[in-house]
Structure formats: structure tokens, C-alpha cells
């Protein structure tokens, strides 16, 4: 459901989106994309098959320049400092807590 909400918001703002139902699909989608095809990755932390932190780490390890520079925005229900620190260590650029604050999301995207 969160995927659909975020996708709807981004498309309403004029973005084109590609969705993945789990971390492995997200990793595979990025791996198979053209260089700089994606502007951002929104990564839910809790996903089946492969969690978002593992997928983030795997994306950051790919042998292509955009793998280290693409902004990865984590989305989680956990707001504890240790969760944010763990996500940053995995390679997450920004960390958003559910329910999403639209103003904060817009501010992050404008960066």
C-alpha cells in the first residue's frame, strides 16, 4: 500500500516511476537500467525476499559510477536513531519515517 501511495504522489508531481515489490526486484531493476536512468531510489526497509538495507548495500557495490551517487531514500516505520544510523551505514542518503511528511519529501527531492 505504501508503494502505491508514494508512486501516486510522485506521478502526481510529474515523475515517471518504476516499482519493485521487493529488494531483489529493486536491485535487479537498477542493475539492468542504463547509466543515470534513475534520478532517485525510494527504498522501503522492510520488504520480502531481500530487505531494503541489503538491496541498498548491493546497489552501492555495483561496478558503475551511478551506483555510488544515486540518492537512495529509505522509508521506514522505525524512527529510532539506531535505525537511521544502520541505514546510513548501508548507503542510504536520506531517511523518511512513515507516515510520510509530504513537505519533508518535497524538500529532499529539491536537494
PDB file of N, CA and C in Angstrom:
ATOM      1  N   UNK A   1       0.827  -1.199   0.000  1.00  0.00           N
ATOM      2  CA  UNK A   1       0.000   0.000   0.000  1.00  0.00           C
ATOM      3  C   UNK A   1       0.875   1.267   0.000  1.00  0.00           C
ATOM      4  N   UNK A   2       1.955   1.246   0.808  1.00  0.00           N
ATOM      5  CA  UNK A   2       2.853   2.413   0.832  1.00  0.00           C
ATOM      6  C   UNK A   2       3.466   2.670  -0.536  1.00  0.00           C
ATOM      7  N   UNK A   3       3.798   1.606  -1.243  1.00  0.00           N
ATOM      8  CA  UNK A   3       4.348   1.733  -2.596  1.00  0.00           C
ATOM      9  C   UNK A   3       3.366   2.485  -3.486  1.00  0.00           C
ATOM     10  N   UNK A   4       2.115   2.099  -3.434  1.00  0.00           N
ATOM     11  CA  UNK A   4       1.103   2.736  -4.280  1.00  0.00           C
ATOM     12  C   UNK A   4       0.904   4.204  -3.922  1.00  0.00           C
ATOM     13  N   UNK A   5       0.945   4.510  -2.637  1.00  0.00           N
ATOM     14  CA  UNK A   5       0.771   5.897  -2.188  1.00  0.00           C
ATOM     15  C   UNK A   5       1.927   6.761  -2.683  1.00  0.00           C
ATOM     16  N   UNK A   6       3.149   6.287  -2.485  1.00  0.00           N
ATOM     17  CA  UNK A   6       4.318   7.049  -2.917  1.00  0.00           C
ATOM     18  C   UNK A   6       4.334   7.188  -4.436  1.00  0.00           C
ATOM     19  N   UNK A   7       4.026   6.108  -5.117  1.00  0.00           N
ATOM     20  CA  UNK A   7       4.003   6.139  -6.583  1.00  0.00           C
ATOM     21  C   UNK A   7       2.971   7.154  -7.066  1.00  0.00           C
ATOM     22  N   UNK A   8       1.793   7.161  -6.464  1.00  0.00           N
ATOM     23  CA  UNK A   8       0.749   8.115  -6.849  1.00  0.00           C
ATOM     24  C   UNK A   8       1.222   9.551  -6.616  1.00  0.00           C
ATOM     25  N   UNK A   9       1.836   9.823  -5.449  1.00  0.00           N
ATOM     26  CA  UNK A   9       2.306  11.177  -5.153  1.00  0.00           C
ATOM     27  C   UNK A   9       3.351  11.627  -6.159  1.00  0.00           C
ATOM     28  N   UNK A  10       4.310  10.776  -6.441  1.00  0.00           N
ATOM     29  CA  UNK A  10       5.375  11.147  -7.375  1.00  0.00           C
ATOM     30  C   UNK A  10       4.837  11.378  -8.781  1.00  0.00           C
ATOM     31  N   UNK A  11       3.947  10.514  -9.221  1.00  0.00           N
ATOM     32  CA  UNK A  11       3.362  10.680 -10.550  1.00  0.00           C
ATOM     33  C   UNK A  11       2.494  11.931 -10.612  1.00  0.00           C
ATOM     34  N   UNK A  12       1.818  12.238  -9.513  1.00  0.00           N
ATOM     35  CA  UNK A  12       1.010  13.456  -9.446  1.00  0.00           C
ATOM     36  C   UNK A  12       1.897  14.696  -9.556  1.00  0.00           C
ATOM     37  N   UNK A  13       3.145  14.588  -9.116  1.00  0.00           N
ATOM     38  CA  UNK A  13       4.104  15.689  -9.218  1.00  0.00           C
ATOM     39  C   UNK A  13       4.829  15.684 -10.557  1.00  0.00           C
ATOM     40  N   UNK A  14       4.472  14.738 -11.442  1.00  0.00           N
ATOM     41  CA  UNK A  14       5.046  14.714 -12.788  1.00  0.00           C
ATOM     42  C   UNK A  14       6.189  13.734 -12.996  1.00  0.00           C
ATOM     43  N   UNK A  15       6.490  12.924 -12.006  1.00  0.00           N
ATOM     44  CA  UNK A  15       7.599  11.970 -12.138  1.00  0.00           C
ATOM     45  C   UNK A  15       7.141  10.699 -12.853  1.00  0.00           C
ATOM     46  N   UNK A  16       8.082  10.077 -13.537  1.00  0.00           N
ATOM     47  CA  UNK A  16       7.858   8.741 -14.082  1.00  0.00           C
ATOM     48  C   UNK A  16       8.407   7.764 -13.054  1.00  0.00           C
ATOM     49  N   UNK A  17       7.682   6.684 -12.794  1.00  0.00           N
ATOM     50  CA  UNK A  17       8.109   5.747 -11.758  1.00  0.00           C
ATOM     51  C   UNK A  17       8.233   4.327 -12.291  1.00  0.00           C
ATOM     52  N   UNK A  18       9.087   3.589 -11.636  1.00  0.00           N
ATOM     53  CA  UNK A  18       9.246   2.154 -11.854  1.00  0.00           C
ATOM     54  C   UNK A  18       9.147   1.544 -10.469  1.00  0.00           C
ATOM     55  N   UNK A  19       8.327   0.533 -10.300  1.00  0.00           N
ATOM     56  CA  UNK A  19       8.167  -0.036  -8.968  1.00  0.00           C
ATOM     57  C   UNK A  19       8.730  -1.445  -8.885  1.00  0.00           C
ATOM     58  N   UNK A  20       9.101  -1.811  -7.673  1.00  0.00           N
ATOM     59  CA  UNK A  20       9.586  -3.152  -7.364  1.00  0.00           C
ATOM     60  C   UNK A  20       8.863  -3.609  -6.103  1.00  0.00           C
ATOM     61  N   UNK A  21       8.501  -4.855  -6.066  1.00  0.00           N
ATOM     62  CA  UNK A  21       7.740  -5.390  -4.927  1.00  0.00           C
ATOM     63  C   UNK A  21       8.619  -5.930  -3.807  1.00  0.00           C
ATOM     64  N   UNK A  22       9.927  -6.030  -4.062  1.00  0.00           N
ATOM     65  CA  UNK A  22      10.842  -6.496  -3.022  1.00  0.00           C
ATOM     66  C   UNK A  22      12.242  -5.974  -3.338  1.00  0.00           C
ATOM     67  N   UNK A  23      13.156  -6.163  -2.397  1.00  0.00           N
ATOM     68  CA  UNK A  23      14.504  -5.646  -2.562  1.00  0.00           C
ATOM     69  C   UNK A  23      15.252  -6.245  -3.732  1.00  0.00           C
ATOM     70  N   UNK A  24      15.045  -7.520  -3.998  1.00  0.00           N
ATOM     71  CA  UNK A  24      15.718  -8.162  -5.128  1.00  0.00           C
ATOM     72  C   UNK A  24      15.249  -7.561  -6.442  1.00  0.00           C
ATOM     73  N   UNK A  25      13.942  -7.315  -6.579  1.00  0.00           N
ATOM     74  CA  UNK A  25      13.437  -6.668  -7.792  1.00  0.00           C
ATOM     75  C   UNK A  25      14.024  -5.267  -7.946  1.00  0.00           C
ATOM     76  N   UNK A  26      14.168  -4.547  -6.842  1.00  0.00           N
ATOM     77  CA  UNK A  26      14.753  -3.202  -6.901  1.00  0.00           C
ATOM     78  C   UNK A  26      16.198  -3.270  -7.367  1.00  0.00           C
ATOM     79  N   UNK A  27      16.951  -4.193  -6.792  1.00  0.00           N
ATOM     80  CA  UNK A  27      18.344  -4.378  -7.192  1.00  0.00           C
ATOM     81  C   UNK A  27      18.442  -4.764  -8.666  1.00  0.00           C
ATOM     82  N   UNK A  28      17.645  -5.734  -9.077  1.00  0.00           N
ATOM     83  CA  UNK A  28      17.675  -6.181 -10.474  1.00  0.00           C
ATOM     84  C   UNK A  28      17.276  -5.063 -11.437  1.00  0.00           C
ATOM     85  N   UNK A  29      16.271  -4.278 -11.059  1.00  0.00           N
ATOM     86  CA  UNK A  29      15.823  -3.172 -11.908  1.00  0.00           C
ATOM     87  C   UNK A  29      16.937  -2.148 -12.091  1.00  0.00           C
ATOM     88  N   UNK A  30      17.617  -1.800 -11.011  1.00  0.00           N
ATOM     89  CA  UNK A  30      18.719  -0.844 -11.121  1.00  0.00           C
ATOM     90  C   UNK A  30      19.869  -1.446 -11.910  1.00  0.00           C
ATOM     91  N   UNK A  31      20.196  -2.690 -11.618  1.00  0.00           N
ATOM     92  CA  UNK A  31      21.312  -3.367 -12.303  1.00  0.00           C
ATOM     93  C   UNK A  31      21.096  -3.401 -13.819  1.00  0.00           C
ATOM     94  N   UNK A  32      19.858  -3.585 -14.244  1.00  0.00           N
ATOM     95  CA  UNK A  32      19.542  -3.717 -15.664  1.00  0.00           C
ATOM     96  C   UNK A  32      19.270  -2.368 -16.340  1.00  0.00           C
ATOM     97  N   UNK A  33      19.265  -1.301 -15.573  1.00  0.00           N
ATOM     98  CA  UNK A  33      18.975   0.023 -16.136  1.00  0.00           C
ATOM     99  C   UNK A  33      20.205   0.599 -16.828  1.00  0.00           C
ATOM    100  N   UNK A  34      19.952   1.600 -17.651  1.00  0.00           N
ATOM    101  CA  UNK A  34      21.038   2.341 -18.278  1.00  0.00           C
ATOM    102  C   UNK A  34      21.676   3.255 -17.239  1.00  0.00           C
ATOM    103  N   UNK A  35      22.905   3.634 -17.480  1.00  0.00           N
ATOM    104  CA  UNK A  35      23.617   4.562 -16.610  1.00  0.00           C
ATOM    105  C   UNK A  35      22.789   5.840 -16.446  1.00  0.00           C
ATOM    106  N   UNK A  36      22.574   6.280 -15.221  1.00  0.00           N
ATOM    107  CA  UNK A  36      21.835   7.507 -14.879  1.00  0.00           C
ATOM    108  C   UNK A  36      20.385   7.502 -15.351  1.00  0.00           C
ATOM    109  N   UNK A  37      19.814   6.335 -15.578  1.00  0.00           N
ATOM    110  CA  UNK A  37      18.406   6.243 -15.978  1.00  0.00           C
ATOM    111  C   UNK A  37      17.483   6.688 -14.847  1.00  0.00           C
ATOM    112  N   UNK A  38      17.879   6.405 -13.616  1.00  0.00           N
ATOM    113  CA  UNK A  38      17.063   6.769 -12.455  1.00  0.00           C
ATOM    114  C   UNK A  38      17.641   7.989 -11.762  1.00  0.00           C
ATOM    115  N   UNK A  39      16.754   8.852 -11.268  1.00  0.00           N
ATOM    116  CA  UNK A  39      17.178  10.037 -10.519  1.00  0.00           C
ATOM    117  C   UNK A  39      17.232   9.772  -9.020  1.00  0.00           C
ATOM    118  N   UNK A  40      16.345   8.907  -8.520  1.00  0.00           N
ATOM    119  CA  UNK A  40      16.245   8.571  -7.106  1.00  0.00           C
ATOM    120  C   UNK A  40      15.832   7.122  -6.978  1.00  0.00           C
ATOM    121  N   UNK A  41      16.124   6.561  -5.832  1.00  0.00           N
ATOM    122  CA  UNK A  41      15.563   5.260  -5.456  1.00  0.00           C
ATOM    123  C   UNK A  41      14.893   5.452  -4.105  1.00  0.00           C
ATOM    124  N   UNK A  42      13.620   5.115  -4.030  1.00  0.00           N
ATOM    125  CA  UNK A  42      12.913   5.074  -2.760  1.00  0.00           C
ATOM    126  C   UNK A  42      12.942   3.622  -2.303  1.00  0.00           C
ATOM    127  N   UNK A  43      13.491   3.386  -1.127  1.00  0.00           N
ATOM    128  CA  UNK A  43      13.712   2.024  -0.671  1.00  0.00           C
ATOM    129  C   UNK A  43      13.033   1.805   0.670  1.00  0.00           C
ATOM    130  N   UNK A  44      11.989   0.977   0.650  1.00  0.00           N
ATOM    131  CA  UNK A  44      11.364   0.580   1.901  1.00  0.00           C
ATOM    132  C   UNK A  44      12.332  -0.360   2.612  1.00  0.00           C
ATOM    133  N   UNK A  45      12.481  -0.192   3.892  1.00  0.00           N
ATOM    134  CA  UNK A  45      13.417  -1.015   4.649  1.00  0.00           C
ATOM    135  C   UNK A  45      12.895  -2.443   4.809  1.00  0.00           C
ATOM    136  N   UNK A  46      11.628  -2.587   5.109  1.00  0.00           N
ATOM    137  CA  UNK A  46      11.036  -3.904   5.350  1.00  0.00           C
ATOM    138  C   UNK A  46      10.333  -4.399   4.095  1.00  0.00           C
ATOM    139  N   UNK A  47      11.008  -5.313   3.373  1.00  0.00           N
ATOM    140  CA  UNK A  47      10.431  -5.901   2.166  1.00  0.00           C
ATOM    141  C   UNK A  47      10.714  -7.394   2.163  1.00  0.00           C
ATOM    142  N   UNK A  48       9.883  -8.146   1.457  1.00  0.00           N
ATOM    143  CA  UNK A  48      10.137  -9.586   1.349  1.00  0.00           C
ATOM    144  C   UNK A  48      11.306  -9.878   0.398  1.00  0.00           C
ATOM    145  N   UNK A  49      11.741 -11.105   0.383  1.00  0.00           N
ATOM    146  CA  UNK A  49      12.798 -11.643  -0.477  1.00  0.00           C
ATOM    147  C   UNK A  49      14.164 -11.058  -0.111  1.00  0.00           C
ATOM    148  N   UNK A  50      14.316  -9.732  -0.214  1.00  0.00           N
ATOM    149  CA  UNK A  50      15.549  -9.045   0.186  1.00  0.00           C
ATOM    150  C   UNK A  50      15.124  -7.720   0.809  1.00  0.00           C
ATOM    151  N   UNK A  51      15.597  -7.457   2.024  1.00  0.00           N
ATOM    152  CA  UNK A  51      15.198  -6.209   2.693  1.00  0.00           C
ATOM    153  C   UNK A  51      15.876  -5.008   2.034  1.00  0.00           C
ATOM    154  N   UNK A  52      15.386  -3.838   2.357  1.00  0.00           N
ATOM    155  CA  UNK A  52      15.860  -2.616   1.722  1.00  0.00           C
ATOM    156  C   UNK A  52      17.301  -2.261   2.023  1.00  0.00           C
ATOM    157  N   UNK A  53      17.780  -2.590   3.219  1.00  0.00           N
ATOM    158  CA  UNK A  53      19.176  -2.279   3.539  1.00  0.00           C
ATOM    159  C   UNK A  53      20.126  -3.165   2.753  1.00  0.00           C
ATOM    160  N   UNK A  54      19.788  -4.437   2.628  1.00  0.00           N
ATOM    161  CA  UNK A  54      20.614  -5.337   1.831  1.00  0.00           C
ATOM    162  C   UNK A  54      20.614  -4.900   0.375  1.00  0.00           C
ATOM    163  N   UNK A  55      19.446  -4.552  -0.143  1.00  0.00           N
ATOM    164  CA  UNK A  55      19.352  -4.085  -1.531  1.00  0.00           C
ATOM    165  C   UNK A  55      20.181  -2.820  -1.728  1.00  0.00           C
ATOM    166  N   UNK A  56      20.148  -1.916  -0.762  1.00  0.00           N
ATOM    167  CA  UNK A  56      20.943  -0.688  -0.833  1.00  0.00           C
ATOM    168  C   UNK A  56      22.439  -1.011  -0.862  1.00  0.00           C
ATOM    169  N   UNK A  57      22.869  -1.886   0.024  1.00  0.00           N
ATOM    170  CA  UNK A  57      24.285  -2.276   0.052  1.00  0.00           C
ATOM    171  C   UNK A  57      24.712  -2.895  -1.280  1.00  0.00           C
ATOM    172  N   UNK A  58      23.852  -3.739  -1.829  1.00  0.00           N
ATOM    173  CA  UNK A  58      24.177  -4.384  -3.109  1.00  0.00           C
ATOM    174  C   UNK A  58      24.227  -3.377  -4.259  1.00  0.00           C
ATOM    175  N   UNK A  59      23.329  -2.413  -4.253  1.00  0.00           N
ATOM    176  CA  UNK A  59      23.353  -1.364  -5.282  1.00  0.00           C
ATOM    177  C   UNK A  59      24.658  -0.572  -5.164  1.00  0.00           C
ATOM    178  N   UNK A  60      25.030  -0.202  -3.955  1.00  0.00           N
ATOM    179  CA  UNK A  60      26.254   0.583  -3.744  1.00  0.00           C
ATOM    180  C   UNK A  60      27.502  -0.185  -4.172  1.00  0.00           C
ATOM    181  N   UNK A  61      27.456  -1.502  -4.167  1.00  0.00           N
ATOM    182  CA  UNK A  61      28.607  -2.323  -4.556  1.00  0.00           C
ATOM    183  C   UNK A  61      28.722  -2.546  -6.065  1.00  0.00           C
ATOM    184  N   UNK A  62      27.695  -2.184  -6.821  1.00  0.00           N
ATOM    185  CA  UNK A  62      27.740  -2.419  -8.267  1.00  0.00           C
ATOM    186  C   UNK A  62      28.875  -1.625  -8.899  1.00  0.00           C
ATOM    187  N   UNK A  63      29.443  -2.193  -9.933  1.00  0.00           N
ATOM    188  CA  UNK A  63      30.578  -1.583 -10.604  1.00  0.00           C
ATOM    189  C   UNK A  63      30.110  -0.622 -11.698  1.00  0.00           C
ATOM    190  N   UNK A  64      29.528   0.486 -11.271  1.00  0.00           N
ATOM    191  CA  UNK A  64      29.107   1.541 -12.187  1.00  0.00           C
ATOM    192  C   UNK A  64      29.026   2.842 -11.401  1.00  0.00           C
ATOM    193  N   UNK A  65      29.417   3.950 -11.999  1.00  0.00           N
ATOM    194  CA  UNK A  65      29.516   5.214 -11.267  1.00  0.00           C
ATOM    195  C   UNK A  65      28.229   5.665 -10.588  1.00  0.00           C
ATOM    196  N   UNK A  66      27.091   5.491 -11.242  1.00  0.00           N
ATOM    197  CA  UNK A  66      25.852   5.986 -10.636  1.00  0.00           C
ATOM    198  C   UNK A  66      25.414   5.167  -9.431  1.00  0.00           C
ATOM    199  N   UNK A  67      25.963   3.988  -9.238  1.00  0.00           N
ATOM    200  CA  UNK A  67      25.614   3.159  -8.073  1.00  0.00           C
ATOM    201  C   UNK A  67      26.081   3.808  -6.778  1.00  0.00           C
ATOM    202  N   UNK A  68      27.122   4.596  -6.860  1.00  0.00           N
ATOM    203  CA  UNK A  68      27.624   5.252  -5.654  1.00  0.00           C
ATOM    204  C   UNK A  68      27.059   6.651  -5.451  1.00  0.00           C
ATOM    205  N   UNK A  69      26.430   7.196  -6.481  1.00  0.00           N
ATOM    206  CA  UNK A  69      25.961   8.582  -6.387  1.00  0.00           C
ATOM    207  C   UNK A  69      24.444   8.739  -6.363  1.00  0.00           C
ATOM    208  N   UNK A  70      23.701   7.748  -6.823  1.00  0.00           N
ATOM    209  CA  UNK A  70      22.247   7.903  -6.868  1.00  0.00           C
ATOM    210  C   UNK A  70      21.697   8.074  -5.456  1.00  0.00           C
ATOM    211  N   UNK A  71      20.848   9.064  -5.242  1.00  0.00           N
ATOM    212  CA  UNK A  71      20.236   9.212  -3.922  1.00  0.00           C
ATOM    213  C   UNK A  71      19.289   8.036  -3.633  1.00  0.00           C
ATOM    214  N   UNK A  72      19.516   7.386  -2.510  1.00  0.00           N
ATOM    215  CA  UNK A  72      18.622   6.315  -2.061  1.00  0.00           C
ATOM    216  C   UNK A  72      17.923   6.832  -0.815  1.00  0.00           C
ATOM    217  N   UNK A  73      16.608   6.935  -0.904  1.00  0.00           N
ATOM    218  CA  UNK A  73      15.790   7.483   0.171  1.00  0.00           C
ATOM    219  C   UNK A  73      15.076   6.328   0.851  1.00  0.00           C
ATOM    220  N   UNK A  74      15.467   6.056   2.077  1.00  0.00           N
ATOM    221  CA  UNK A  74      14.872   4.957   2.838  1.00  0.00           C
ATOM    222  C   UNK A  74      13.532   5.396   3.416  1.00  0.00           C
ATOM    223  N   UNK A  75      12.620   4.438   3.477  1.00  0.00           N
ATOM    224  CA  UNK A  75      11.301   4.681   4.060  1.00  0.00           C
ATOM    225  C   UNK A  75      11.067   3.585   5.086  1.00  0.00           C
ATOM    226  N   UNK A  76      10.737   3.990   6.308  1.00  0.00           N
ATOM    227  CA  UNK A  76      10.570   3.012   7.377  1.00  0.00           C
ATOM    228  C   UNK A  76       9.597   3.513   8.427  1.00  0.00           C
ATOM    229  N   UNK A  77       9.019   2.580   9.151  1.00  0.00           N
ATOM    230  CA  UNK A  77       8.170   2.930  10.286  1.00  0.00           C
ATOM    231  C   UNK A  77       9.023   3.175  11.527  1.00  0.00           C
ATOM    232  N   UNK A  78      10.277   2.763  11.493  1.00  0.00           N
ATOM    233  CA  UNK A  78      11.173   2.901  12.642  1.00  0.00           C
ATOM    234  C   UNK A  78      11.865   4.244  12.638  1.00  0.00           C
ATOM    235  N   UNK A  79      11.729   4.963  13.743  1.00  0.00           N
ATOM    236  CA  UNK A  79      12.293   6.304  13.820  1.00  0.00           C
ATOM    237  C   UNK A  79      13.439   6.402  14.827  1.00  0.00           C
ATOM    238  N   UNK A  80      13.896   5.281  15.352  1.00  0.00           N
ATOM    239  CA  UNK A  80      14.973   5.304  16.333  1.00  0.00           C
ATOM    240  C   UNK A  80      16.296   5.707  15.683  1.00  0.00           C
ATOM    241  N   UNK A  81      17.126   6.402  16.427  1.00  0.00           N
ATOM    242  CA  UNK A  81      18.423   6.865  15.915  1.00  0.00           C
ATOM    243  C   UNK A  81      19.271   5.692  15.431  1.00  0.00           C
ATOM    244  N   UNK A  82      19.204   4.568  16.102  1.00  0.00           N
ATOM    245  CA  UNK A  82      19.998   3.399  15.692  1.00  0.00           C
ATOM    246  C   UNK A  82      19.551   2.860  14.337  1.00  0.00           C
ATOM    247  N   UNK A  83      18.251   2.966  14.037  1.00  0.00           N
ATOM    248  CA  UNK A  83      17.750   2.535  12.727  1.00  0.00           C
ATOM    249  C   UNK A  83      18.250   3.459  11.616  1.00  0.00           C
ATOM    250  N   UNK A  84      18.237   4.743  11.891  1.00  0.00           N
ATOM    251  CA  UNK A  84      18.735   5.724  10.921  1.00  0.00           C
ATOM    252  C   UNK A  84      20.231   5.509  10.698  1.00  0.00           C
ATOM    253  N   UNK A  85      20.977   5.297  11.769  1.00  0.00           N
ATOM    254  CA  UNK A  85      22.421   5.075  11.657  1.00  0.00           C
ATOM    255  C   UNK A  85      22.728   3.815  10.852  1.00  0.00           C
ATOM    256  N   UNK A  86      21.983   2.760  11.095  1.00  0.00           N
ATOM    257  CA  UNK A  86      22.177   1.500  10.360  1.00  0.00           C
ATOM    258  C   UNK A  86      21.890   1.712   8.869  1.00  0.00           C
ATOM    259  N   UNK A  87      20.858   2.479   8.560  1.00  0.00           N
ATOM    260  CA  UNK A  87      20.513   2.762   7.158  1.00  0.00           C
ATOM    261  C   UNK A  87      21.605   3.594   6.491  1.00  0.00           C
ATOM    262  N   UNK A  88      22.097   4.592   7.187  1.00  0.00           N
ATOM    263  CA  UNK A  88      23.171   5.428   6.633  1.00  0.00           C
ATOM    264  C   UNK A  88      24.427   4.587   6.380  1.00  0.00           C
ATOM    265  N   UNK A  89      24.711   3.670   7.288  1.00  0.00           N
ATOM    266  CA  UNK A  89      25.874   2.791   7.124  1.00  0.00           C
ATOM    267  C   UNK A  89      25.710   1.892   5.900  1.00  0.00           C
ATOM    268  N   UNK A  90      24.476   1.522   5.593  1.00  0.00           N
ATOM    269  CA  UNK A  90      24.202   0.674   4.425  1.00  0.00           C
ATOM    270  C   UNK A  90      24.319   1.451   3.113  1.00  0.00           C
ATOM    271  N   UNK A  91      24.312   2.788   3.194  1.00  0.00           N
ATOM    272  CA  UNK A  91      24.449   3.595   1.982  1.00  0.00           C
ATOM    273  C   UNK A  91      23.247   4.459   1.656  1.00  0.00           C
ATOM    274  N   UNK A  92      22.291   4.526   2.566  1.00  0.00           N
ATOM    275  CA  UNK A  92      21.108   5.358   2.366  1.00  0.00           C
ATOM    276  C   UNK A  92      21.501   6.833   2.438  1.00  0.00           C
ATOM    277  N   UNK A  93      20.932   7.636   1.551  1.00  0.00           N
ATOM    278  CA  UNK A  93      21.219   9.065   1.506  1.00  0.00           C
ATOM    279  C   UNK A  93      20.323   9.850   2.461  1.00  0.00           C
ATOM    280  N   UNK A  94      19.039   9.532   2.440  1.00  0.00           N
ATOM    281  CA  UNK A  94      18.039  10.192   3.296  1.00  0.00           C
ATOM    282  C   UNK A  94      17.157   9.133   3.930  1.00  0.00           C
ATOM    283  N   UNK A  95      16.507   9.484   5.031  1.00  0.00           N
ATOM    284  CA  UNK A  95      15.686   8.530   5.781  1.00  0.00           C
ATOM    285  C   UNK A  95      14.358   9.191   6.109  1.00  0.00           C
ATOM    286  N   UNK A  96      13.272   8.625   5.622  1.00  0.00           N
ATOM    287  CA  UNK A  96      11.936   9.140   5.894  1.00  0.00           C
ATOM    288  C   UNK A  96      11.169   8.140   6.746  1.00  0.00           C
ATOM    289  N   UNK A  97      10.371   8.675   7.664  1.00  0.00           N
ATOM    290  CA  UNK A  97       9.574   7.841   8.555  1.00  0.00           C
ATOM    291  C   UNK A  97       8.123   7.863   8.105  1.00  0.00           C
ATOM    292  N   UNK A  98       7.490   6.678   8.131  1.00  0.00           N
ATOM    293  CA  UNK A  98       6.061   6.569   7.821  1.00  0.00           C
ATOM    294  C   UNK A  98       5.269   7.032   9.040  1.00  0.00           C
ATOM    295  N   UNK A  99       4.128   7.662   8.854  1.00  0.00           N
ATOM    296  CA  UNK A  99       3.590   8.125   7.582  1.00  0.00           C
ATOM    297  C   UNK A  99       4.434   9.277   7.049  1.00  0.00           C
ATOM    298  N   UNK A 100       4.510   9.350   5.743  1.00  0.00           N
ATOM    299  CA  UNK A 100       5.377  10.326   5.100  1.00  0.00           C
ATOM    300  C   UNK A 100       4.914  11.752   5.311  1.00  0.00           C
ATOM    301  N   UNK A 101       5.871  12.600   5.565  1.00  0.00           N
ATOM    302  CA  UNK A 101       5.655  14.045   5.652  1.00  0.00           C
ATOM    303  C   UNK A 101       5.918  14.595   4.254  1.00  0.00           C
ATOM    304  N   UNK A 102       4.864  15.016   3.558  1.00  0.00           N
ATOM    305  CA  UNK A 102       4.998  15.465   2.173  1.00  0.00           C
ATOM    306  C   UNK A 102       5.925  16.665   2.018  1.00  0.00           C
ATOM    307  N   UNK A 103       5.907  17.573   2.977  1.00  0.00           N
ATOM    308  CA  UNK A 103       6.789  18.739   2.894  1.00  0.00           C
ATOM    309  C   UNK A 103       8.254  18.322   3.016  1.00  0.00           C
ATOM    310  N   UNK A 104       8.522  17.365   3.899  1.00  0.00           N
ATOM    311  CA  UNK A 104       9.891  16.874   4.037  1.00  0.00           C
ATOM    312  C   UNK A 104      10.321  16.144   2.766  1.00  0.00           C
ATOM    313  N   UNK A 105       9.421  15.362   2.195  1.00  0.00           N
ATOM    314  CA  UNK A 105       9.718  14.653   0.950  1.00  0.00           C
ATOM    315  C   UNK A 105      10.045  15.648  -0.167  1.00  0.00           C
ATOM    316  N   UNK A 106       9.239  16.680  -0.312  1.00  0.00           N
ATOM    317  CA  UNK A 106       9.499  17.694  -1.338  1.00  0.00           C
ATOM    318  C   UNK A 106      10.834  18.390  -1.112  1.00  0.00           C
ATOM    319  N   UNK A 107      11.171  18.667   0.143  1.00  0.00           N
ATOM    320  CA  UNK A 107      12.433  19.311   0.465  1.00  0.00           C
ATOM    321  C   UNK A 107      13.612  18.422   0.071  1.00  0.00           C
ATOM    322  N   UNK A 108      13.496  17.127   0.340  1.00  0.00           N
ATOM    323  CA  UNK A 108      14.549  16.178  -0.023  1.00  0.00           C
ATOM    324  C   UNK A 108      14.707  16.118  -1.534  1.00  0.00           C
ATOM    325  N   UNK A 109      13.600  16.075  -2.258  1.00  0.00           N
ATOM    326  CA  UNK A 109      13.665  15.978  -3.716  1.00  0.00           C
ATOM    327  C   UNK A 109      14.248  17.241  -4.350  1.00  0.00           C
ATOM    328  N   UNK A 110      14.039  18.367  -3.725  1.00  0.00           N
ATOM    329  CA  UNK A 110      14.588  19.623  -4.249  1.00  0.00           C
ATOM    330  C   UNK A 110      16.095  19.720  -4.075  1.00  0.00           C
ATOM    331  N   UNK A 111      16.636  18.975  -3.090  1.00  0.00           N
ATOM    332  CA  UNK A 111      18.090  18.962  -2.890  1.00  0.00           C
ATOM    333  C   UNK A 111      18.739  18.443  -4.137  1.00  0.00           C
TER     334      UNK A 111
END
